[in-house]
């Protein structure tokens, strides 16, 4: 079985979120981002499945246009990153 895990970056839980001056959204300038905690749990569970022998391959999917500056992102041991729009 192959496992696909979608990974999302969100504002870090330790950061106080600021609203833009024009109230049009959240100010993301100079804000620390981290992986969604629920995505971390999903990656950990996928690795457990692979270690048990249930899964043969783990692919972690993230949208690069939503994750600028995340080129050094490592999804986890045994996970192969998948970037949409890029050839393998």
Protein backbone atom coordinates (compact mmCIF):
# COMPACT_ATOMS: atom_id res chain seq x y z
CA UNK A 1 0.00 0.00 0.00
CA UNK A 2 1.21 3.50 -0.82
CA UNK A 3 0.44 6.35 1.59
CA UNK A 4 -0.06 9.98 0.56
CA UNK A 5 0.17 12.58 3.34
CA UNK A 6 -0.85 16.17 2.64
CA UNK A 7 1.25 18.63 4.66
CA UNK A 8 0.23 22.22 5.40
CA UNK A 9 2.21 25.12 6.85
CA UNK A 10 0.44 27.31 9.38
CA UNK A 11 1.34 30.15 11.73
CA UNK A 12 3.30 28.73 14.67
CA UNK A 13 1.19 28.17 17.78
CA UNK A 14 3.54 30.31 19.92
CA UNK A 15 3.11 33.39 17.71
CA UNK A 16 0.55 36.06 18.47
CA UNK A 17 -1.42 36.60 15.27
CA UNK A 18 -1.78 40.20 14.07
CA UNK A 19 -4.55 41.52 11.87
CA UNK A 20 -3.59 43.76 8.93
CA UNK A 21 -4.22 47.48 9.39
CA UNK A 22 -7.03 47.45 6.81
CA UNK A 23 -8.69 44.41 8.47
CA UNK A 24 -8.39 42.42 5.24
CA UNK A 25 -6.66 39.41 6.78
CA UNK A 26 -3.78 38.16 8.88
CA UNK A 27 -0.39 39.87 8.68
CA UNK A 28 2.05 37.10 7.70
CA UNK A 29 5.13 39.32 7.30
CA UNK A 30 7.99 38.15 9.56
CA UNK A 31 5.81 35.50 11.20
CA UNK A 32 7.25 32.11 12.13
CA UNK A 33 5.51 29.29 10.28
CA UNK A 34 5.49 25.62 11.22
CA UNK A 35 3.94 22.38 10.08
CA UNK A 36 0.31 21.88 11.10
CA UNK A 37 0.35 19.68 14.23
CA UNK A 38 -2.28 17.38 12.73
CA UNK A 39 -0.07 16.93 9.66
CA UNK A 40 2.81 15.95 11.96
CA UNK A 41 0.60 13.26 13.49
CA UNK A 42 -0.33 12.00 10.01
CA UNK A 43 3.33 11.76 8.96
CA UNK A 44 4.21 9.91 12.19
CA UNK A 45 1.38 7.44 11.63
CA UNK A 46 2.45 6.88 8.01
CA UNK A 47 6.00 6.12 9.19
CA UNK A 48 4.58 3.66 11.75
CA UNK A 49 2.64 1.92 8.97
CA UNK A 50 5.81 1.64 6.89
CA UNK A 51 7.78 0.25 9.85
CA UNK A 52 5.06 -2.40 10.41
CA UNK A 53 5.31 -3.39 6.75
CA UNK A 54 1.76 -2.32 5.89
CA UNK A 55 2.88 0.56 3.65
CA UNK A 56 5.51 0.24 0.93
CA UNK A 57 5.95 3.92 0.15
CA UNK A 58 5.15 7.26 1.81
CA UNK A 59 4.73 10.41 -0.25
CA UNK A 60 4.42 13.78 1.53
CA UNK A 61 2.61 16.41 -0.53
CA UNK A 62 2.83 20.15 -0.01
CA UNK A 63 2.02 23.10 -2.22
CA UNK A 64 5.25 25.01 -2.89
CA UNK A 65 3.35 28.18 -3.77
CA UNK A 66 1.91 28.17 -0.22
CA UNK A 67 5.25 27.35 1.38
CA UNK A 68 7.81 29.91 0.23
CA UNK A 69 11.22 29.41 1.76
CA UNK A 70 10.52 25.81 2.69
CA UNK A 71 13.04 24.25 0.32
CA UNK A 72 14.87 22.66 3.24
CA UNK A 73 11.66 21.06 4.55
CA UNK A 74 12.17 17.44 5.57
CA UNK A 75 8.87 15.56 5.89
CA UNK A 76 10.25 12.71 8.00
CA UNK A 77 12.27 9.52 7.79
CA UNK A 78 11.10 7.28 4.99
CA UNK A 79 8.97 9.96 3.32
CA UNK A 80 9.50 10.99 -0.26
CA UNK A 81 8.54 14.63 -0.88
CA UNK A 82 6.18 15.31 -3.77
CA UNK A 83 6.01 18.75 -5.36
CA UNK A 84 3.15 19.34 -7.82
CA UNK A 85 4.19 20.76 -11.15
CA UNK A 86 7.74 19.41 -10.92
CA UNK A 87 9.04 16.37 -12.73
CA UNK A 88 10.53 13.61 -10.62
